[in-house]
Amino acid sequence: MKLSPRLLLAAASATSAAAFQLRHSAPLTTQQYHHADRAMTTRLYDNDSSESEYDYDLLVIGGGSGGVRASRISSGYGAKVALLETQLKHGIAPDYAAIGGTCVNVGCVPKKLMVFASRYPGELKEMAGYGWKGATEGTFDWKVFMENKNEEITRLNNVYQNSILKNAGVEIIEATGSLAGTNSVNVHHTATGETSTLTAKNILIAVGGWPFKPSIPGIEHAITSNEIFYLEERPERIVVVGGGFIALEFASIMDGLGSDVTLMYRGDLFLRGFDNDMREHIRSEMEGNSGIDLKFNTDPKEIVKNDDGSLTVVDQDGNELECDAVLYATGRKGKIDKLGLDNAGVETKGSFVPVDKYSQTNVPNIYAVGDITDRIALTPVALMEGHRLADTLFGGLDRPVDHEYVASTVFTTPEIGTVGYGEEEAAEKFKDIDVYKSRFRAMKHSFPKSETYSLFKIIVESKTQRVVGCHVATDGAGEMTQGIAIAVKMGATKDDFDNTIGIHPTSAEELVTMRTPSYYYRDGEKTDSLE
């Protein structure tokens, strides 16, 4: 029995036929779906290639987080799936990324390895306060780190190719894809340079994003978050341009690894879109506990290559700063170039592909997930989007995407972990909120008398007492926030937090011991007291 990919499995049993209803009827719970699934004797999507007019049920362009997840889950449902990825091994310019996408190759994974490496000097600085004598930072060997990093990324490339996808029955094609029509894709094979054409009932665009660099004189001398992972030597002096989380993370990383770092941002304060208290707190920590030179309201207008190989950055006021590398982290754009979207009539908005809540473009059988859609550019979000698309197309489930209460972390030192609404967003949306806030020195830092502070913040919608935002700036904030996010996503109230027994002694217990609001908002206006 071949099921329409738009049908929703409503009920099934071992002794009765499955009943189905249209996608836009009431969705099943995951538990109901799995009960029905176990009762069936065939896969939900019964692929019978002899009946199909297409080569594949799903053809995926792009082997990043969203594309891989959608491919694997779709194949598990019985769909015939092929995935196109330009290269299967990382580090080959000009593409850099490979199977596994930006995250695995030139994003989350190698960045986090650099974060780990960058924090050891900070640990050593506090050792004397704990009685350890003679500890020194030693010398960081950039080449050894890069060799080990490359080995790890190669291992992950192989895992994605040989375990995750092949074991799931996905056909992997080392090639670049471009649309030839609504159901056809031109396949440009990397190894041979030849082009062939494949057809598919459904096409998924999951090619991700690419670092943006402005058009200023000398911009060709700047690097991005791609090239930083393949530099042969650590730059002694580096200018990081940008104010988003990527810029701040690399500023922290390079500072920890021993480089002289200058962060230039054209605005008044970085991390626009994050809770303002968290933004101010990280500025304070960077100014007090790092060697990063923060230059706000500063916008480079030219980069000059000097005779000795060094660079000079010239800002809007004519100020000059000499350095060895300039890293631009000023946003990312969608990789729509050479996709042939016009050939299929796929609409675009800027460099991105707009989609609905089912990740469907304006062309009914063409979908897009991940950074190319300009929704939330985070790996776990792309995974969710790809998984839910597969569930909807081939699993008989009605699973639109869900972008509310998505947790994230900025891997600066200290980290920022956040889930839900910031104070300013919450006041605008809910009007009446209670704000709980606590700034303190964690035990680990207070004992050796370090001036390193943590900031915890809970935002509560007054009428329902639901926790609608939780933000922490502290060591290990990412690990902490993942657990908090479960509670916030489930709709936990402030009473639920208060009724939870704390773990002592930890910084995290502050989340369940803040009893009195620091201030309030009523009808969108801030007030220190309700009297």
Protein backbone atom coordinates (compact mmCIF):
# COMPACT_ATOMS: atom_id res chain seq x y z
CA MET A 1 0.00 0.00 0.00
CA LYS A 2 1.50 3.33 -1.03
CA LEU A 3 0.54 6.27 1.18
CA SER A 4 0.17 9.85 0.01
CA PRO A 5 2.85 11.94 1.73
CA ARG A 6 0.15 14.47 2.73
CA LEU A 7 -1.98 11.96 4.60
CA LEU A 8 -2.01 11.78 8.37
CA LEU A 9 -2.11 8.46 10.16
CA ALA A 10 -5.09 8.62 12.52
CA ALA A 11 -5.34 5.14 13.98
CA ALA A 12 -4.21 1.63 13.29
CA SER A 13 -4.37 -1.78 14.92
CA ALA A 14 -3.07 -5.25 14.15
CA THR A 15 -6.52 -6.43 13.16
CA SER A 16 -7.95 -3.44 11.32
CA ALA A 17 -6.95 -1.29 8.38
CA ALA A 18 -5.30 2.06 8.99
CA ALA A 19 -7.53 5.12 8.69
CA PHE A 20 -6.13 8.36 7.38
CA GLN A 21 -7.12 11.99 7.32
CA LEU A 22 -5.80 15.11 5.65
CA ARG A 23 -2.71 16.87 6.94
CA HIS A 24 -4.56 19.89 8.24
CA SER A 25 -6.83 17.91 10.54
CA ALA A 26 -6.02 17.50 14.24
CA PRO A 27 -2.46 16.21 14.65
CA LEU A 28 -1.64 12.95 16.38
CA THR A 29 0.61 12.84 19.39
CA THR A 30 3.93 11.10 18.93
CA GLN A 31 2.78 8.36 21.32
CA GLN A 32 -0.36 7.72 19.24
CA TYR A 33 1.70 7.62 16.08
CA HIS A 34 4.20 5.08 17.42
CA HIS A 35 1.36 2.86 18.71
CA ALA A 36 -0.16 2.84 15.24
CA ASP A 37 3.22 2.32 13.62
CA ARG A 38 3.92 -0.82 15.63
CA ALA A 39 0.58 -2.25 14.52
CA MET A 40 1.35 -1.97 10.84
CA THR A 41 3.18 -4.71 8.96
CA THR A 42 4.73 -2.42 6.33
CA ARG A 43 6.58 0.85 6.40
CA LEU A 44 4.47 3.98 6.45
CA TYR A 45 5.75 5.04 3.06
CA ASP A 46 5.74 2.03 0.78
CA ASN A 47 8.20 2.90 -1.96
CA ASP A 48 7.39 1.10 -5.16
CA SER A 49 9.78 2.46 -7.76
CA SER A 50 7.99 0.58 -10.53
CA GLU A 51 4.98 2.86 -10.03
CA SER A 52 6.94 6.09 -9.81
CA GLU A 53 7.63 8.41 -12.72
CA TYR A 54 10.56 9.93 -10.80
CA ASP A 55 14.05 8.73 -9.94
CA TYR A 56 13.55 9.57 -6.24
CA ASP A 57 10.83 10.35 -3.76
CA LEU A 58 13.09 12.99 -2.22
CA LEU A 59 16.18 14.65 -3.64
CA VAL A 60 18.10 16.77 -1.14
CA ILE A 61 20.49 19.51 -2.24
CA GLY A 62 22.95 20.08 0.62
CA GLY A 63 24.41 17.71 3.19
CA GLY A 64 24.30 19.89 6.28
CA SER A 65 22.37 19.35 9.49
CA GLY A 66 18.88 19.86 8.06
CA GLY A 67 19.50 17.98 4.82
CA VAL A 68 21.10 14.99 6.51
CA ARG A 69 18.32 14.71 9.10
CA ALA A 70 15.55 15.00 6.51
CA SER A 71 17.28 12.40 4.31
CA ARG A 72 17.82 9.88 7.07
CA ILE A 73 14.32 10.09 8.55
CA SER A 74 12.64 10.05 5.11
CA SER A 75 14.61 6.97 4.08
CA GLY A 76 13.65 5.32 7.35
CA TYR A 77 10.02 5.76 6.40
CA GLY A 78 10.64 3.92 3.15
CA ALA A 79 11.19 6.82 0.77
CA LYS A 80 13.83 6.55 -1.94
CA VAL A 81 16.24 9.38 -1.13
CA ALA A 82 19.38 10.87 -2.65
CA LEU A 83 21.50 13.61 -1.15
CA LEU A 84 23.83 15.90 -3.10
CA GLU A 85 26.86 17.40 -1.36
CA THR A 86 29.67 19.17 -3.18
CA GLN A 87 32.44 17.44 -1.26
CA LEU A 88 32.71 14.63 1.26
CA LYS A 89 35.95 15.77 2.92
CA HIS A 90 36.42 19.10 4.67
CA GLY A 91 38.94 21.84 4.09
CA ILE A 92 39.00 22.12 0.33
CA ALA A 93 38.72 25.77 -0.70
CA PRO A 94 36.65 27.51 -1.83
CA ASP A 95 33.82 25.44 -0.33
CA TYR A 96 35.41 24.55 3.05
CA ALA A 97 32.31 22.79 4.36
CA ALA A 98 31.58 19.21 3.38
CA ILE A 99 29.24 16.42 4.40
CA GLY A 100 27.86 17.44 7.78
CA GLY A 101 27.54 21.06 6.74
CA THR A 102 28.81 24.26 8.31
CA CYS A 103 28.37 23.02 11.87
CA VAL A 104 30.59 19.98 11.57
CA ASN A 105 33.24 21.46 9.30
CA VAL A 106 33.56 25.22 9.85
CA GLY A 107 31.10 25.98 12.62
CA CYS A 108 29.87 24.62 15.93
CA VAL A 109 32.18 21.63 16.29
CA PRO A 110 35.63 23.07 15.48
CA LYS A 111 34.64 26.32 17.17
CA LYS A 112 33.77 24.52 20.40
CA LEU A 113 37.11 22.69 20.28
CA MET A 114 38.80 26.09 20.03
CA VAL A 115 36.67 27.34 22.94
CA PHE A 116 37.91 24.46 25.10
CA ALA A 117 41.51 25.18 24.14
CA SER A 118 41.16 28.89 24.85
CA ARG A 119 39.95 28.44 28.43
CA TYR A 120 42.91 26.59 29.91
CA PRO A 121 44.95 29.76 30.58
CA GLY A 122 42.06 31.17 32.61
CA GLU A 123 41.95 28.03 34.72
CA LEU A 124 45.68 28.29 35.38
CA LYS A 125 45.41 31.89 36.53
CA GLU A 126 43.19 30.83 39.43
CA MET A 127 45.29 27.86 40.52
CA ALA A 128 47.46 29.89 42.90
CA GLY A 129 44.36 30.85 44.87
CA TYR A 130 43.70 27.16 45.42
CA GLY A 131 47.23 26.47 46.65
CA TRP A 132 48.86 25.31 43.43
CA LYS A 133 52.28 26.87 42.96
CA GLY A 134 54.39 27.27 39.84
CA ALA A 135 51.66 26.65 37.28
CA THR A 136 52.27 28.45 33.99
CA GLU A 137 50.33 28.69 30.76
CA GLY A 138 53.05 27.18 28.65
CA THR A 139 53.01 27.71 24.88
CA PHE A 140 50.03 27.06 22.66
CA ASP A 141 50.97 25.08 19.56
CA TRP A 142 48.54 26.19 16.86
CA LYS A 143 49.74 23.63 14.34
CA VAL A 144 49.29 20.68 16.71
CA PHE A 145 45.80 21.85 17.58
CA MET A 146 44.87 22.26 13.91
CA GLU A 147 46.22 18.83 13.02
CA ASN A 148 44.17 17.25 15.80
CA LYS A 149 41.12 19.30 14.83
CA ASN A 150 41.38 18.24 11.21
CA GLU A 151 41.66 14.61 12.23
CA GLU A 152 38.49 14.93 14.32
CA ILE A 153 36.51 16.63 11.54
CA THR A 154 37.63 13.97 9.06
CA ARG A 155 36.37 11.33 11.49
CA LEU A 156 33.00 13.07 11.63
CA ASN A 157 32.85 13.36 7.82
CA ASN A 158 33.28 9.59 7.66
CA VAL A 159 30.63 9.03 10.33
CA TYR A 160 28.11 11.10 8.39
CA GLN A 161 28.90 9.41 5.11
CA ASN A 162 29.45 5.80 6.11
CA SER A 163 27.28 5.41 9.19
CA ILE A 164 24.49 7.95 9.42
CA LEU A 165 23.46 8.18 5.76
CA LYS A 166 24.54 4.93 4.14
CA ASN A 167 23.16 2.84 6.99
CA ALA A 168 19.86 4.65 6.57
CA GLY A 169 19.74 3.76 2.87
CA VAL A 170 20.38 7.27 1.57
CA GLU A 171 22.25 7.50 -1.73
CA ILE A 172 25.07 10.03 -1.41
CA ILE A 173 26.22 11.83 -4.56
CA GLU A 174 29.31 14.05 -4.43
CA ALA A 175 27.96 16.83 -6.58
CA THR A 176 26.40 20.26 -6.66
CA GLY A 177 22.73 20.53 -7.53
CA SER A 178 20.75 23.19 -9.35
CA LEU A 179 17.08 23.16 -10.24
CA ALA A 180 16.23 22.41 -13.85
CA GLY A 181 12.48 22.44 -13.25
CA THR A 182 9.94 21.76 -10.55
CA ASN A 183 10.81 18.06 -10.43
CA SER A 184 14.28 17.92 -11.95
CA VAL A 185 17.78 18.77 -10.76
CA ASN A 186 20.95 19.26 -12.74
CA VAL A 187 23.71 17.33 -10.97
CA HIS A 188 27.22 18.73 -11.42
CA HIS A 189 29.54 15.91 -10.37
CA THR A 190 32.55 17.11 -8.39
CA ALA A 191 35.01 14.40 -9.43
CA THR A 192 34.40 14.38 -13.18
CA GLY A 193 32.93 17.81 -13.88
CA GLU A 194 30.14 16.13 -15.83
CA THR A 195 26.50 17.11 -15.52
CA SER A 196 23.51 14.77 -15.41
CA THR A 197 19.85 15.25 -14.58
CA LEU A 198 17.81 13.52 -11.88
CA THR A 199 14.10 13.75 -11.16
CA ALA A 200 12.27 13.67 -7.84
CA LYS A 201 8.74 13.91 -6.59
CA ASN A 202 9.94 16.20 -3.81
CA ILE A 203 13.02 18.41 -3.70
CA LEU A 204 14.59 19.82 -0.54
CA ILE A 205 16.95 22.80 -0.60
CA ALA A 206 19.30 22.68 2.39
CA VAL A 207 22.46 24.41 1.22
CA GLY A 208 22.87 26.67 4.26
CA GLY A 209 24.50 30.07 4.50
CA TRP A 210 27.78 31.80 3.77
CA PRO A 211 29.71 34.56 5.61
CA PHE A 212 28.95 38.06 4.38
CA LYS A 213 31.75 40.56 3.74
CA PRO A 214 31.02 44.18 2.79
CA SER A 215 32.43 45.77 -0.34
CA ILE A 216 35.21 47.98 1.01
CA PRO A 217 38.72 48.52 -0.39
CA GLY A 218 41.00 45.68 0.67
CA ILE A 219 38.22 43.33 1.78
CA GLU A 220 39.99 40.54 -0.12
CA HIS A 221 42.60 40.54 2.65
CA ALA A 222 40.01 39.70 5.32
CA ILE A 223 39.12 36.20 6.46
CA THR A 224 35.85 34.79 7.81
CA SER A 225 34.73 31.96 10.04
CA ASN A 226 35.63 29.64 7.16
CA GLU A 227 39.31 30.48 6.79
CA ILE A 228 40.06 30.88 10.50
CA PHE A 229 39.97 27.10 10.86
CA TYR A 230 42.68 26.61 8.26
CA LEU A 231 45.23 29.32 9.05
CA GLU A 232 48.74 27.92 9.14
CA GLU A 233 49.76 30.16 12.04
CA ARG A 234 47.97 31.89 14.89
CA PRO A 235 47.87 35.63 14.18
CA GLU A 236 49.60 37.57 16.96
CA ARG A 237 47.30 40.55 16.39
CA ILE A 238 43.78 40.12 15.06
CA VAL A 239 40.90 42.50 14.44
CA VAL A 240 37.45 40.93 14.66
CA VAL A 241 34.72 42.95 12.96
CA GLY A 242 31.11 42.38 13.97
CA GLY A 243 28.76 42.36 16.91
CA GLY A 244 26.94 39.03 16.69
CA PHE A 245 27.64 35.86 18.58
CA ILE A 246 30.15 34.59 16.00
CA ALA A 247 32.26 37.75 16.34
CA LEU A 248 32.19 37.63 20.14
CA GLU A 249 33.01 33.94 20.28
CA PHE A 250 36.06 34.28 18.06
CA ALA A 251 37.20 37.37 19.95
CA SER A 252 37.07 35.34 23.17
CA ILE A 253 38.76 32.35 21.56
CA MET A 254 41.67 34.25 20.07
CA ASP A 255 42.14 36.22 23.29
CA GLY A 256 42.33 32.97 25.25
CA LEU A 257 44.82 31.50 22.78
CA GLY A 258 47.17 34.43 23.27
CA SER A 259 46.45 36.83 20.42
CA ASP A 260 46.05 40.57 20.87
CA VAL A 261 42.39 41.05 19.95
CA THR A 262 40.51 44.17 18.91
CA LEU A 263 36.76 43.88 18.43
CA MET A 264 35.24 46.53 16.18
CA TYR A 265 31.48 46.98 16.04
CA ARG A 266 29.60 49.76 14.30
CA GLY A 267 26.84 49.92 16.96
CA ASP A 268 26.65 51.06 20.56
CA LEU A 269 26.57 47.54 22.02
CA PHE A 270 26.98 44.07 20.59
CA LEU A 271 24.60 41.05 20.64
CA ARG A 272 21.61 42.95 19.30
CA GLY A 273 18.47 40.88 19.88
CA PHE A 274 19.67 39.38 23.15
CA ASP A 275 18.45 40.48 26.56
CA ASN A 276 20.03 43.87 27.31
CA ASP A 277 21.27 42.89 30.77
CA MET A 278 23.13 39.95 29.25
CA ARG A 279 24.68 42.23 26.65
CA GLU A 280 25.87 44.69 29.28
CA HIS A 281 27.14 41.89 31.50
CA ILE A 282 29.31 40.39 28.77
CA ARG A 283 30.70 43.83 27.95
CA SER A 284 31.62 44.27 31.61
CA GLU A 285 33.26 40.84 31.80
CA MET A 286 35.22 41.40 28.59
CA GLU A 287 36.41 44.80 29.76
CA GLY A 288 37.42 43.53 33.20
CA ASN A 289 38.60 39.97 32.62
CA SER A 290 39.97 39.73 29.09
CA GLY A 291 42.55 41.42 26.94
CA ILE A 292 40.03 42.26 24.23
CA ASP A 293 40.02 45.90 23.16
CA LEU A 294 36.39 46.80 22.53
CA LYS A 295 35.79 49.52 19.98
CA PHE A 296 32.11 50.39 19.60
CA ASN A 297 30.74 52.79 16.98
CA THR A 298 33.68 51.78 14.84
CA ASP A 299 33.27 50.74 11.22
CA PRO A 300 36.27 49.79 9.06
CA LYS A 301 36.31 51.53 5.70
CA GLU A 302 39.54 50.13 4.26
CA ILE A 303 42.05 47.33 4.78
CA VAL A 304 45.58 48.00 3.56
CA LYS A 305 48.12 45.23 2.89
CA ASN A 306 51.55 46.37 4.08
CA ASP A 307 54.90 45.43 2.55
CA ASP A 308 55.80 43.18 5.49
CA GLY A 309 52.55 41.20 5.11
CA SER A 310 50.76 42.86 7.98
CA LEU A 311 47.45 44.68 7.55
CA THR A 312 46.24 48.12 8.51
CA VAL A 313 42.57 48.68 9.27
CA VAL A 314 41.31 52.21 8.64
CA ASP A 315 38.00 53.14 10.31
CA GLN A 316 35.38 55.75 9.37
CA ASP A 317 37.26 58.49 11.23
CA GLY A 318 40.59 57.72 9.64
CA ASN A 319 42.02 55.94 12.67
CA GLU A 320 44.50 53.22 11.76
CA LEU A 321 45.25 49.92 13.49
CA GLU A 322 47.93 47.50 12.40
CA CYS A 323 47.32 43.78 12.74
CA ASP A 324 48.16 40.40 11.27
CA ALA A 325 44.62 39.26 10.41
CA VAL A 326 41.16 40.74 10.02
CA LEU A 327 38.22 38.42 10.64
CA TYR A 328 34.82 39.58 9.41
CA ALA A 329 31.78 38.21 11.23
CA THR A 330 29.13 40.63 10.00
CA GLY A 331 26.32 38.24 9.28
CA ARG A 332 25.61 35.42 6.86
CA LYS A 333 23.63 35.23 3.64
CA GLY A 334 21.83 32.33 2.01
CA LYS A 335 23.74 30.33 -0.60
CA ILE A 336 21.19 30.76 -3.39
CA ASP A 337 23.77 31.46 -6.07
CA LYS A 338 23.82 28.82 -8.82
CA LEU A 339 20.77 27.01 -7.41
CA GLY A 340 18.71 27.71 -10.52
CA LEU A 341 15.69 28.71 -8.45
CA ASP A 342 14.23 30.72 -11.33
CA ASN A 343 14.04 27.55 -13.43
CA ALA A 344 11.45 26.17 -11.04
CA GLY A 345 9.79 29.46 -10.15
CA VAL A 346 10.95 29.39 -6.53
CA GLU A 347 10.54 32.78 -4.90
CA THR A 348 13.37 34.37 -2.95
CA LYS A 349 13.66 37.21 -0.47
CA GLY A 350 17.10 38.76 -0.64
CA SER A 351 19.47 35.81 -0.52
CA PHE A 352 17.01 33.55 1.30
CA VAL A 353 14.13 31.23 0.39
CA PRO A 354 10.84 32.01 2.18
CA VAL A 355 8.84 29.00 3.39
CA ASP A 356 5.67 28.29 5.35
CA LYS A 357 5.35 26.45 8.65
CA TYR A 358 5.79 23.13 6.82
CA SER A 359 9.04 24.39 5.19
CA GLN A 360 7.25 24.52 1.85
CA THR A 361 8.25 27.13 -0.73
CA ASN A 362 5.79 28.73 -3.11
CA VAL A 363 6.27 25.66 -5.33
CA PRO A 364 4.25 22.86 -3.70
CA ASN A 365 6.79 20.03 -4.03
CA ILE A 366 9.92 22.09 -3.29
CA TYR A 367 10.95 22.63 0.32
CA ALA A 368 13.76 24.38 2.18
CA VAL A 369 15.17 24.01 5.70
CA GLY A 370 18.03 25.47 7.69
CA ASP A 371 19.93 28.71 7.25
CA ILE A 372 18.79 29.18 3.66
CA THR A 373 15.31 30.02 4.99
CA ASP A 374 16.42 32.85 7.32
CA ARG A 375 14.35 31.65 10.27
CA ILE A 376 16.64 30.76 13.18
CA ALA A 377 20.19 29.98 12.06
CA LEU A 378 21.04 27.28 14.60
CA THR A 379 22.01 23.67 13.97
CA PRO A 380 19.39 22.11 16.30
CA VAL A 381 16.72 24.24 14.60
CA ALA A 382 17.75 22.91 11.18
CA LEU A 383 17.60 19.38 12.61
CA MET A 384 14.08 20.00 13.87
CA GLU A 385 12.96 21.47 10.55
CA GLY A 386 14.40 18.58 8.55
CA HIS A 387 12.98 15.95 10.88
CA ARG A 388 9.50 17.45 10.90
CA LEU A 389 9.48 17.77 7.14
CA ALA A 390 10.28 14.06 6.80
CA ASP A 391 7.59 13.17 9.34
CA THR A 392 5.02 15.19 7.41
CA LEU A 393 5.97 14.07 3.90
CA PHE A 394 6.57 10.39 4.53
CA GLY A 395 5.62 9.56 8.11
CA GLY A 396 1.93 10.35 8.09
CA LEU A 397 2.34 12.99 10.77
CA ASP A 398 1.24 16.61 10.78
CA ARG A 399 4.35 18.35 12.11
CA PRO A 400 4.79 22.05 11.40
CA VAL A 401 7.98 23.67 12.65
CA ASP A 402 8.08 25.19 16.12
CA HIS A 403 10.41 28.14 16.67
CA GLU A 404 9.15 29.34 20.05
CA TYR A 405 11.28 28.89 23.16
CA VAL A 406 14.38 27.79 21.27
CA ALA A 407 17.38 27.72 23.60
CA SER A 408 20.82 28.89 22.51
CA THR A 409 24.24 29.68 23.90
CA VAL A 410 26.91 32.25 23.13
CA PHE A 411 30.23 30.53 23.81
CA THR A 412 32.07 33.55 25.10
CA THR A 413 33.87 33.47 28.44
CA PRO A 414 31.66 33.44 30.44
CA GLU A 415 28.95 31.86 28.34
CA ILE A 416 25.45 33.21 27.85
CA GLY A 417 22.63 30.67 27.91
CA THR A 418 19.20 31.87 26.91
CA VAL A 419 15.72 30.50 26.29
CA GLY A 420 12.52 32.38 25.67
CA TYR A 421 11.95 36.11 25.63
CA GLY A 422 14.34 38.83 26.71
CA GLU A 423 13.07 41.50 29.07
CA GLU A 424 12.35 44.02 26.36
CA GLU A 425 10.60 41.49 24.09
CA ALA A 426 8.57 40.10 26.98
CA ALA A 427 7.40 43.53 28.11
CA GLU A 428 6.23 44.34 24.59
CA LYS A 429 4.48 40.99 24.07
CA PHE A 430 2.96 40.26 27.48
CA LYS A 431 2.74 43.84 28.89
CA ASP A 432 2.71 42.60 32.51
CA ILE A 433 5.86 40.76 33.60
CA ASP A 434 7.87 40.18 36.77
CA VAL A 435 11.65 40.21 36.46
CA TYR A 436 13.93 38.28 38.83
CA LYS A 437 17.62 39.03 38.67
CA SER A 438 20.75 38.04 40.59
CA ARG A 439 24.40 39.00 40.03
CA PHE A 440 27.03 37.26 42.12
CA ARG A 441 30.49 35.75 42.17
CA ALA A 442 30.38 31.98 41.77
CA MET A 443 32.17 29.98 44.44
CA LYS A 444 34.80 28.82 41.98
CA HIS A 445 35.86 32.42 41.32
CA SER A 446 35.19 34.03 44.71
CA PHE A 447 37.56 31.66 46.54
CA PRO A 448 40.67 32.65 44.51
CA LYS A 449 39.40 36.25 44.65
CA SER A 450 38.78 36.61 40.92
CA GLU A 451 36.54 39.45 39.84
CA THR A 452 34.43 37.22 37.62
CA TYR A 453 30.68 37.52 38.02
CA SER A 454 27.60 35.54 37.03
CA LEU A 455 24.21 36.97 36.10
CA PHE A 456 20.96 35.01 36.34
CA LYS A 457 17.62 36.32 35.16
CA ILE A 458 14.09 34.91 35.10
CA ILE A 459 11.19 36.64 33.33
CA VAL A 460 7.67 35.71 34.38
CA GLU A 461 4.36 36.57 32.72
CA SER A 462 2.42 38.07 35.62
CA LYS A 463 -1.08 36.81 34.91
CA THR A 464 -0.24 33.14 34.45
CA GLN A 465 3.08 33.12 36.34
CA ARG A 466 4.57 31.18 33.44
CA VAL A 467 8.33 31.54 33.01
CA VAL A 468 8.65 33.07 29.55
CA GLY A 469 12.36 33.80 29.62
CA CYS A 470 15.44 32.56 31.38
CA HIS A 471 18.93 33.95 30.81
CA VAL A 472 22.18 33.02 32.51
CA ALA A 473 25.73 34.29 32.05
CA THR A 474 28.13 31.98 33.85
CA ASP A 475 30.52 29.07 33.44
CA GLY A 476 28.81 26.19 31.65
CA ALA A 477 25.72 28.22 30.83
CA GLY A 478 25.04 26.10 27.76
CA GLU A 479 24.90 22.85 29.70
CA MET A 480 22.72 24.49 32.33
CA THR A 481 20.33 26.11 29.87
CA GLN A 482 19.57 22.88 28.03
CA GLY A 483 17.90 21.54 31.17
CA ILE A 484 16.11 24.81 31.87
CA ALA A 485 14.80 24.86 28.31
CA ILE A 486 12.86 21.65 28.86
CA ALA A 487 10.97 23.22 31.76
CA VAL A 488 10.35 26.49 29.93
CA LYS A 489 9.15 24.69 26.80
CA MET A 490 6.76 22.61 28.90
CA GLY A 491 5.24 25.78 30.35
CA ALA A 492 6.75 25.75 33.84
CA THR A 493 5.57 28.47 36.20
CA LYS A 494 7.54 30.41 38.77
CA ASP A 495 5.92 28.20 41.43
CA ASP A 496 7.33 25.16 39.65
CA PHE A 497 10.78 26.70 39.86
CA ASP A 498 10.27 27.64 43.52
CA ASN A 499 9.01 24.16 44.41
CA THR A 500 12.11 22.54 42.94
CA ILE A 501 14.80 21.65 45.47
CA GLY A 502 18.14 23.21 44.61
CA ILE A 503 21.44 21.37 44.24
CA HIS A 504 23.92 22.77 46.73
CA PRO A 505 26.49 24.19 46.33
CA THR A 506 25.99 25.15 42.69
CA SER A 507 25.43 28.36 40.80
CA ALA A 508 22.38 26.78 39.17
CA GLU A 509 20.50 26.66 42.47
CA GLU A 510 20.06 30.42 42.11
CA LEU A 511 17.33 29.60 39.60
CA VAL A 512 15.14 28.06 42.30
CA THR A 513 15.95 30.45 45.15
CA MET A 514 15.08 33.85 43.68
CA ARG A 515 11.87 34.69 45.54
CA THR A 516 11.31 38.43 45.13
CA PRO A 517 11.08 40.23 41.79
CA SER A 518 13.75 42.84 41.18
CA TYR A 519 11.18 44.97 39.35
CA TYR A 520 8.02 44.72 37.29
CA TYR A 521 6.40 45.84 34.07
CA ARG A 522 2.75 46.80 34.02
CA ASP A 523 1.08 47.60 30.72
CA GLY A 524 4.55 47.61 29.19
CA GLU A 525 5.97 50.20 31.57
CA LYS A 526 8.75 49.43 34.05
CA THR A 527 8.14 49.99 37.76
CA ASP A 528 10.25 49.14 40.80
CA SER A 529 7.26 48.55 43.06
CA LEU A 530 3.59 47.65 42.80
CA GLU A 531 2.63 49.84 45.76
